[in-house]
Amino acid sequence: MSDKYLKVEGHTSLVRDTWSNGIVNTNVSEYQQYMARVKAREQQGDQIRNAVKEINTLKAELREIKGLIKELVNGS
């Protein structure tokens, strides 16, 4: 371990960065799991945004259809 990092007492995969005083997790598999969760959350957000766009498009189309039906009924 270099002078840049100090082991955190009681934690095998945590070190303290002496320059920033931050805690760093050195466990690669935990990092990969974290990144997979981040990616899944981003994908879920994208799916929700796409669903909202699709719903808004359907609402606009229904308003248009409603207007056309009203025109037909009123004989315009």
PDB file of N, CA and C in Angstrom:
ATOM      1  N   MET A   1       0.859  -1.163   0.000  1.00  0.00           N
ATOM      2  CA  MET A   1       0.000   0.000   0.000  1.00  0.00           C
ATOM      3  C   MET A   1       0.909   1.230   0.000  1.00  0.00           C
ATOM      4  N   SER A   2       0.609   2.174  -0.856  1.00  0.00           N
ATOM      5  CA  SER A   2       1.459   3.364  -0.958  1.00  0.00           C
ATOM      6  C   SER A   2       1.126   4.369   0.141  1.00  0.00           C
ATOM      7  N   ASP A   3       1.910   5.435   0.195  1.00  0.00           N
ATOM      8  CA  ASP A   3       1.665   6.500   1.169  1.00  0.00           C
ATOM      9  C   ASP A   3       0.369   7.240   0.867  1.00  0.00           C
ATOM     10  N   LYS A   4      -0.110   7.115  -0.346  1.00  0.00           N
ATOM     11  CA  LYS A   4      -1.325   7.814  -0.758  1.00  0.00           C
ATOM     12  C   LYS A   4      -2.570   7.230  -0.083  1.00  0.00           C
ATOM     13  N   TYR A   5      -2.546   5.961   0.260  1.00  0.00           N
ATOM     14  CA  TYR A   5      -3.708   5.298   0.855  1.00  0.00           C
ATOM     15  C   TYR A   5      -3.361   4.680   2.206  1.00  0.00           C
ATOM     16  N   LEU A   6      -4.301   4.785   3.133  1.00  0.00           N
ATOM     17  CA  LEU A   6      -4.162   4.144   4.439  1.00  0.00           C
ATOM     18  C   LEU A   6      -5.315   3.173   4.617  1.00  0.00           C
ATOM     19  N   LYS A   7      -5.045   1.992   5.141  1.00  0.00           N
ATOM     20  CA  LYS A   7      -6.104   1.008   5.372  1.00  0.00           C
ATOM     21  C   LYS A   7      -7.080   1.545   6.413  1.00  0.00           C
ATOM     22  N   VAL A   8      -8.368   1.260   6.184  1.00  0.00           N
ATOM     23  CA  VAL A   8      -9.399   1.644   7.149  1.00  0.00           C
ATOM     24  C   VAL A   8      -9.537   0.499   8.140  1.00  0.00           C
ATOM     25  N   GLU A   9      -9.452   0.830   9.401  1.00  0.00           N
ATOM     26  CA  GLU A   9      -9.494  -0.178  10.457  1.00  0.00           C
ATOM     27  C   GLU A   9     -10.821  -0.933  10.434  1.00  0.00           C
ATOM     28  N   GLY A  10     -10.747  -2.258  10.445  1.00  0.00           N
ATOM     29  CA  GLY A  10     -11.942  -3.088  10.497  1.00  0.00           C
ATOM     30  C   GLY A  10     -12.597  -3.355   9.153  1.00  0.00           C
ATOM     31  N   HIS A  11     -12.016  -2.829   8.061  1.00  0.00           N
ATOM     32  CA  HIS A  11     -12.585  -3.027   6.721  1.00  0.00           C
ATOM     33  C   HIS A  11     -11.467  -3.445   5.771  1.00  0.00           C
ATOM     34  N   THR A  12     -11.608  -4.616   5.180  1.00  0.00           N
ATOM     35  CA  THR A  12     -10.532  -5.131   4.329  1.00  0.00           C
ATOM     36  C   THR A  12     -10.487  -4.463   2.963  1.00  0.00           C
ATOM     37  N   SER A  13     -11.631  -3.988   2.462  1.00  0.00           N
ATOM     38  CA  SER A  13     -11.638  -3.448   1.105  1.00  0.00           C
ATOM     39  C   SER A  13     -11.775  -1.927   1.069  1.00  0.00           C
ATOM     40  N   LEU A  14     -11.608  -1.264   2.211  1.00  0.00           N
ATOM     41  CA  LEU A  14     -11.693   0.194   2.237  1.00  0.00           C
ATOM     42  C   LEU A  14     -10.345   0.800   2.593  1.00  0.00           C
ATOM     43  N   VAL A  15      -9.999   1.877   1.865  1.00  0.00           N
ATOM     44  CA  VAL A  15      -8.784   2.632   2.160  1.00  0.00           C
ATOM     45  C   VAL A  15      -9.131   4.117   2.187  1.00  0.00           C
ATOM     46  N   ARG A  16      -8.321   4.890   2.889  1.00  0.00           N
ATOM     47  CA  ARG A  16      -8.516   6.338   2.938  1.00  0.00           C
ATOM     48  C   ARG A  16      -7.462   6.999   2.060  1.00  0.00           C
ATOM     49  N   ASP A  17      -7.934   7.865   1.159  1.00  0.00           N
ATOM     50  CA  ASP A  17      -7.040   8.651   0.316  1.00  0.00           C
ATOM     51  C   ASP A  17      -6.492   9.783   1.185  1.00  0.00           C
ATOM     52  N   THR A  18      -5.184   9.814   1.377  1.00  0.00           N
ATOM     53  CA  THR A  18      -4.595  10.804   2.284  1.00  0.00           C
ATOM     54  C   THR A  18      -4.643  12.218   1.721  1.00  0.00           C
ATOM     55  N   TRP A  19      -4.752  12.361   0.405  1.00  0.00           N
ATOM     56  CA  TRP A  19      -4.806  13.690  -0.195  1.00  0.00           C
ATOM     57  C   TRP A  19      -6.188  14.312  -0.025  1.00  0.00           C
ATOM     58  N   SER A  20      -7.253  13.551  -0.370  1.00  0.00           N
ATOM     59  CA  SER A  20      -8.616  14.094  -0.301  1.00  0.00           C
ATOM     60  C   SER A  20      -9.323  13.738   1.000  1.00  0.00           C
ATOM     61  N   ASN A  21      -8.747  12.804   1.744  1.00  0.00           N
ATOM     62  CA  ASN A  21      -9.326  12.302   2.990  1.00  0.00           C
ATOM     63  C   ASN A  21     -10.595  11.480   2.734  1.00  0.00           C
ATOM     64  N   GLY A  22     -10.823  11.092   1.475  1.00  0.00           N
ATOM     65  CA  GLY A  22     -11.994  10.293   1.123  1.00  0.00           C
ATOM     66  C   GLY A  22     -11.758   8.811   1.338  1.00  0.00           C
ATOM     67  N   ILE A  23     -12.863   8.079   1.464  1.00  0.00           N
ATOM     68  CA  ILE A  23     -12.806   6.623   1.609  1.00  0.00           C
ATOM     69  C   ILE A  23     -13.001   6.008   0.223  1.00  0.00           C
ATOM     70  N   VAL A  24     -12.153   5.048  -0.122  1.00  0.00           N
ATOM     71  CA  VAL A  24     -12.202   4.396  -1.430  1.00  0.00           C
ATOM     72  C   VAL A  24     -12.396   2.901  -1.226  1.00  0.00           C
ATOM     73  N   ASN A  25     -13.364   2.336  -1.966  1.00  0.00           N
ATOM     74  CA  ASN A  25     -13.594   0.895  -1.925  1.00  0.00           C
ATOM     75  C   ASN A  25     -12.709   0.253  -2.990  1.00  0.00           C
ATOM     76  N   THR A  26     -11.862  -0.664  -2.599  1.00  0.00           N
ATOM     77  CA  THR A  26     -10.937  -1.300  -3.540  1.00  0.00           C
ATOM     78  C   THR A  26     -11.442  -2.647  -4.048  1.00  0.00           C
ATOM     79  N   ASN A  27     -12.654  -3.044  -3.655  1.00  0.00           N
ATOM     80  CA  ASN A  27     -13.225  -4.320  -4.064  1.00  0.00           C
ATOM     81  C   ASN A  27     -13.822  -4.164  -5.465  1.00  0.00           C
ATOM     82  N   VAL A  28     -13.199  -4.786  -6.457  1.00  0.00           N
ATOM     83  CA  VAL A  28     -13.595  -4.641  -7.856  1.00  0.00           C
ATOM     84  C   VAL A  28     -14.989  -5.206  -8.104  1.00  0.00           C
ATOM     85  N   SER A  29     -15.314  -6.354  -7.529  1.00  0.00           N
ATOM     86  CA  SER A  29     -16.629  -6.957  -7.789  1.00  0.00           C
ATOM     87  C   SER A  29     -17.750  -6.097  -7.209  1.00  0.00           C
ATOM     88  N   GLU A  30     -17.534  -5.468  -6.056  1.00  0.00           N
ATOM     89  CA  GLU A  30     -18.543  -4.563  -5.499  1.00  0.00           C
ATOM     90  C   GLU A  30     -18.735  -3.358  -6.412  1.00  0.00           C
ATOM     91  N   TYR A  31     -17.649  -2.851  -6.969  1.00  0.00           N
ATOM     92  CA  TYR A  31     -17.728  -1.726  -7.896  1.00  0.00           C
ATOM     93  C   TYR A  31     -18.514  -2.118  -9.145  1.00  0.00           C
ATOM     94  N   GLN A  32     -18.243  -3.307  -9.672  1.00  0.00           N
ATOM     95  CA  GLN A  32     -18.955  -3.771 -10.864  1.00  0.00           C
ATOM     96  C   GLN A  32     -20.447  -3.935 -10.573  1.00  0.00           C
ATOM     97  N   GLN A  33     -20.780  -4.447  -9.399  1.00  0.00           N
ATOM     98  CA  GLN A  33     -22.186  -4.577  -9.015  1.00  0.00           C
ATOM     99  C   GLN A  33     -22.839  -3.201  -8.914  1.00  0.00           C
ATOM    100  N   TYR A  34     -22.128  -2.257  -8.336  1.00  0.00           N
ATOM    101  CA  TYR A  34     -22.639  -0.893  -8.213  1.00  0.00           C
ATOM    102  C   TYR A  34     -22.902  -0.299  -9.594  1.00  0.00           C
ATOM    103  N   MET A  35     -21.942  -0.454 -10.504  1.00  0.00           N
ATOM    104  CA  MET A  35     -22.107   0.091 -11.850  1.00  0.00           C
ATOM    105  C   MET A  35     -23.264  -0.585 -12.582  1.00  0.00           C
ATOM    106  N   ALA A  36     -23.477  -1.876 -12.355  1.00  0.00           N
ATOM    107  CA  ALA A  36     -24.610  -2.580 -12.966  1.00  0.00           C
ATOM    108  C   ALA A  36     -25.923  -2.006 -12.439  1.00  0.00           C
ATOM    109  N   ARG A  37     -25.967  -1.701 -11.134  1.00  0.00           N
ATOM    110  CA  ARG A  37     -27.178  -1.097 -10.560  1.00  0.00           C
ATOM    111  C   ARG A  37     -27.426   0.295 -11.135  1.00  0.00           C
ATOM    112  N   VAL A  38     -26.359   1.064 -11.315  1.00  0.00           N
ATOM    113  CA  VAL A  38     -26.489   2.403 -11.897  1.00  0.00           C
ATOM    114  C   VAL A  38     -27.038   2.297 -13.316  1.00  0.00           C
ATOM    115  N   LYS A  39     -26.490   1.375 -14.092  1.00  0.00           N
ATOM    116  CA  LYS A  39     -26.935   1.196 -15.479  1.00  0.00           C
ATOM    117  C   LYS A  39     -28.399   0.757 -15.527  1.00  0.00           C
ATOM    118  N   ALA A  40     -28.789  -0.156 -14.641  1.00  0.00           N
ATOM    119  CA  ALA A  40     -30.178  -0.624 -14.592  1.00  0.00           C
ATOM    120  C   ALA A  40     -31.114   0.529 -14.242  1.00  0.00           C
ATOM    121  N   ARG A  41     -30.683   1.387 -13.303  1.00  0.00           N
ATOM    122  CA  ARG A  41     -31.502   2.541 -12.921  1.00  0.00           C
ATOM    123  C   ARG A  41     -31.657   3.507 -14.090  1.00  0.00           C
ATOM    124  N   GLU A  42     -30.574   3.730 -14.836  1.00  0.00           N
ATOM    125  CA  GLU A  42     -30.626   4.606 -16.007  1.00  0.00           C
ATOM    126  C   GLU A  42     -31.568   4.035 -17.060  1.00  0.00           C
ATOM    127  N   GLN A  43     -31.488   2.723 -17.288  1.00  0.00           N
ATOM    128  CA  GLN A  43     -32.361   2.086 -18.271  1.00  0.00           C
ATOM    129  C   GLN A  43     -33.819   2.188 -17.845  1.00  0.00           C
ATOM    130  N   GLN A  44     -34.079   2.019 -16.557  1.00  0.00           N
ATOM    131  CA  GLN A  44     -35.446   2.129 -16.055  1.00  0.00           C
ATOM    132  C   GLN A  44     -35.959   3.556 -16.257  1.00  0.00           C
ATOM    133  N   GLY A  45     -35.102   4.535 -16.003  1.00  0.00           N
ATOM    134  CA  GLY A  45     -35.478   5.933 -16.227  1.00  0.00           C
ATOM    135  C   GLY A  45     -35.785   6.186 -17.690  1.00  0.00           C
ATOM    136  N   ASP A  46     -34.967   5.624 -18.590  1.00  0.00           N
ATOM    137  CA  ASP A  46     -35.204   5.763 -20.026  1.00  0.00           C
ATOM    138  C   ASP A  46     -36.539   5.141 -20.416  1.00  0.00           C
ATOM    139  N   GLN A  47     -36.843   3.970 -19.861  1.00  0.00           N
ATOM    140  CA  GLN A  47     -38.107   3.303 -20.167  1.00  0.00           C
ATOM    141  C   GLN A  47     -39.287   4.146 -19.705  1.00  0.00           C
ATOM    142  N   ILE A  48     -39.175   4.739 -18.533  1.00  0.00           N
ATOM    143  CA  ILE A  48     -40.260   5.577 -18.015  1.00  0.00           C
ATOM    144  C   ILE A  48     -40.432   6.807 -18.901  1.00  0.00           C
ATOM    145  N   ARG A  49     -39.319   7.450 -19.281  1.00  0.00           N
ATOM    146  CA  ARG A  49     -39.408   8.623 -20.157  1.00  0.00           C
ATOM    147  C   ARG A  49     -40.052   8.261 -21.489  1.00  0.00           C
ATOM    148  N   ASN A  50     -39.668   7.105 -22.062  1.00  0.00           N
ATOM    149  CA  ASN A  50     -40.258   6.672 -23.330  1.00  0.00           C
ATOM    150  C   ASN A  50     -41.745   6.393 -23.177  1.00  0.00           C
ATOM    151  N   ALA A  51     -42.145   5.785 -22.064  1.00  0.00           N
ATOM    152  CA  ALA A  51     -43.559   5.500 -21.826  1.00  0.00           C
ATOM    153  C   ALA A  51     -44.345   6.798 -21.704  1.00  0.00           C
ATOM    154  N   VAL A  52     -43.791   7.784 -21.018  1.00  0.00           N
ATOM    155  CA  VAL A  52     -44.466   9.080 -20.866  1.00  0.00           C
ATOM    156  C   VAL A  52     -44.627   9.746 -22.226  1.00  0.00           C
ATOM    157  N   LYS A  53     -43.578   9.703 -23.057  1.00  0.00           N
ATOM    158  CA  LYS A  53     -43.670  10.282 -24.405  1.00  0.00           C
ATOM    159  C   LYS A  53     -44.767   9.593 -25.210  1.00  0.00           C
ATOM    160  N   GLU A  54     -44.805   8.273 -25.134  1.00  0.00           N
ATOM    161  CA  GLU A  54     -45.806   7.511 -25.878  1.00  0.00           C
ATOM    162  C   GLU A  54     -47.215   7.841 -25.387  1.00  0.00           C
ATOM    163  N   ILE A  55     -47.389   7.951 -24.078  1.00  0.00           N
ATOM    164  CA  ILE A  55     -48.694   8.305 -23.510  1.00  0.00           C
ATOM    165  C   ILE A  55     -49.110   9.689 -23.983  1.00  0.00           C
ATOM    166  N   ASN A  56     -48.180  10.644 -23.974  1.00  0.00           N
ATOM    167  CA  ASN A  56     -48.503  11.997 -24.423  1.00  0.00           C
ATOM    168  C   ASN A  56     -48.873  12.021 -25.900  1.00  0.00           C
ATOM    169  N   THR A  57     -48.194  11.209 -26.707  1.00  0.00           N
ATOM    170  CA  THR A  57     -48.531  11.106 -28.129  1.00  0.00           C
ATOM    171  C   THR A  57     -49.938  10.541 -28.302  1.00  0.00           C
ATOM    172  N   LEU A  58     -50.254   9.494 -27.548  1.00  0.00           N
ATOM    173  CA  LEU A  58     -51.592   8.897 -27.627  1.00  0.00           C
ATOM    174  C   LEU A  58     -52.666   9.890 -27.189  1.00  0.00           C
ATOM    175  N   LYS A  59     -52.389  10.677 -26.163  1.00  0.00           N
ATOM    176  CA  LYS A  59     -53.349  11.685 -25.707  1.00  0.00           C
ATOM    177  C   LYS A  59     -53.613  12.711 -26.810  1.00  0.00           C
ATOM    178  N   ALA A  60     -52.543  13.154 -27.467  1.00  0.00           N
ATOM    179  CA  ALA A  60     -52.690  14.129 -28.547  1.00  0.00           C
ATOM    180  C   ALA A  60     -53.494  13.535 -29.700  1.00  0.00           C
ATOM    181  N   GLU A  61     -53.225  12.281 -30.034  1.00  0.00           N
ATOM    182  CA  GLU A  61     -53.970  11.630 -31.108  1.00  0.00           C
ATOM    183  C   GLU A  61     -55.439  11.474 -30.740  1.00  0.00           C
ATOM    184  N   LEU A  62     -55.718  11.140 -29.488  1.00  0.00           N
ATOM    185  CA  LEU A  62     -57.111  11.018 -29.047  1.00  0.00           C
ATOM    186  C   LEU A  62     -57.828  12.358 -29.111  1.00  0.00           C
ATOM    187  N   ARG A  63     -57.141  13.445 -28.730  1.00  0.00           N
ATOM    188  CA  ARG A  63     -57.744  14.777 -28.833  1.00  0.00           C
ATOM    189  C   ARG A  63     -58.079  15.085 -30.287  1.00  0.00           C
ATOM    190  N   GLU A  64     -57.165  14.732 -31.195  1.00  0.00           N
ATOM    191  CA  GLU A  64     -57.388  14.971 -32.616  1.00  0.00           C
ATOM    192  C   GLU A  64     -58.582  14.154 -33.120  1.00  0.00           C
ATOM    193  N   ILE A  65     -58.648  12.885 -32.744  1.00  0.00           N
ATOM    194  CA  ILE A  65     -59.762  12.016 -33.150  1.00  0.00           C
ATOM    195  C   ILE A  65     -61.075  12.560 -32.599  1.00  0.00           C
ATOM    196  N   LYS A  66     -61.045  12.994 -31.349  1.00  0.00           N
ATOM    197  CA  LYS A  66     -62.235  13.564 -30.724  1.00  0.00           C
ATOM    198  C   LYS A  66     -62.722  14.791 -31.495  1.00  0.00           C
ATOM    199  N   GLY A  67     -61.780  15.634 -31.878  1.00  0.00           N
ATOM    200  CA  GLY A  67     -62.134  16.827 -32.650  1.00  0.00           C
ATOM    201  C   GLY A  67     -62.732  16.464 -33.995  1.00  0.00           C
ATOM    202  N   LEU A  68     -62.172  15.462 -34.657  1.00  0.00           N
ATOM    203  CA  LEU A  68     -62.703  15.032 -35.954  1.00  0.00           C
ATOM    204  C   LEU A  68     -64.105  14.453 -35.810  1.00  0.00           C
ATOM    205  N   ILE A  69     -64.335  13.684 -34.758  1.00  0.00           N
ATOM    206  CA  ILE A  69     -65.666  13.110 -34.518  1.00  0.00           C
ATOM    207  C   ILE A  69     -66.673  14.224 -34.263  1.00  0.00           C
ATOM    208  N   LYS A  70     -66.286  15.226 -33.480  1.00  0.00           N
ATOM    209  CA  LYS A  70     -67.185  16.359 -33.215  1.00  0.00           C
ATOM    210  C   LYS A  70     -67.541  17.073 -34.506  1.00  0.00           C
ATOM    211  N   GLU A  71     -66.550  17.247 -35.396  1.00  0.00           N
ATOM    212  CA  GLU A  71     -66.807  17.883 -36.688  1.00  0.00           C
ATOM    213  C   GLU A  71     -67.796  17.064 -37.504  1.00  0.00           C
ATOM    214  N   LEU A  72     -67.633  15.743 -37.510  1.00  0.00           N
ATOM    215  CA  LEU A  72     -68.543  14.875 -38.258  1.00  0.00           C
ATOM    216  C   LEU A  72     -69.957  14.957 -37.700  1.00  0.00           C
ATOM    217  N   VAL A  73     -70.079  14.946 -36.381  1.00  0.00           N
ATOM    218  CA  VAL A  73     -71.391  14.990 -35.735  1.00  0.00           C
ATOM    219  C   VAL A  73     -72.061  16.334 -35.976  1.00  0.00           C
ATOM    220  N   ASN A  74     -71.306  17.410 -35.929  1.00  0.00           N
ATOM    221  CA  ASN A  74     -71.865  18.750 -36.116  1.00  0.00           C
ATOM    222  C   ASN A  74     -72.079  19.073 -37.586  1.00  0.00           C
ATOM    223  N   GLY A  75     -71.579  18.266 -38.479  1.00  0.00           N
ATOM    224  CA  GLY A  75     -71.775  18.446 -39.908  1.00  0.00           C
ATOM    225  C   GLY A  75     -70.945  19.566 -40.509  1.00  0.00           C
ATOM    226  N   SER A  76     -69.819  19.851 -39.934  1.00  0.00           N
ATOM    227  CA  SER A  76     -68.985  20.943 -40.452  1.00  0.00           C
ATOM    228  C   SER A  76     -68.219  20.504 -41.657  1.00  0.00           C
TER     229      SER A  76
END
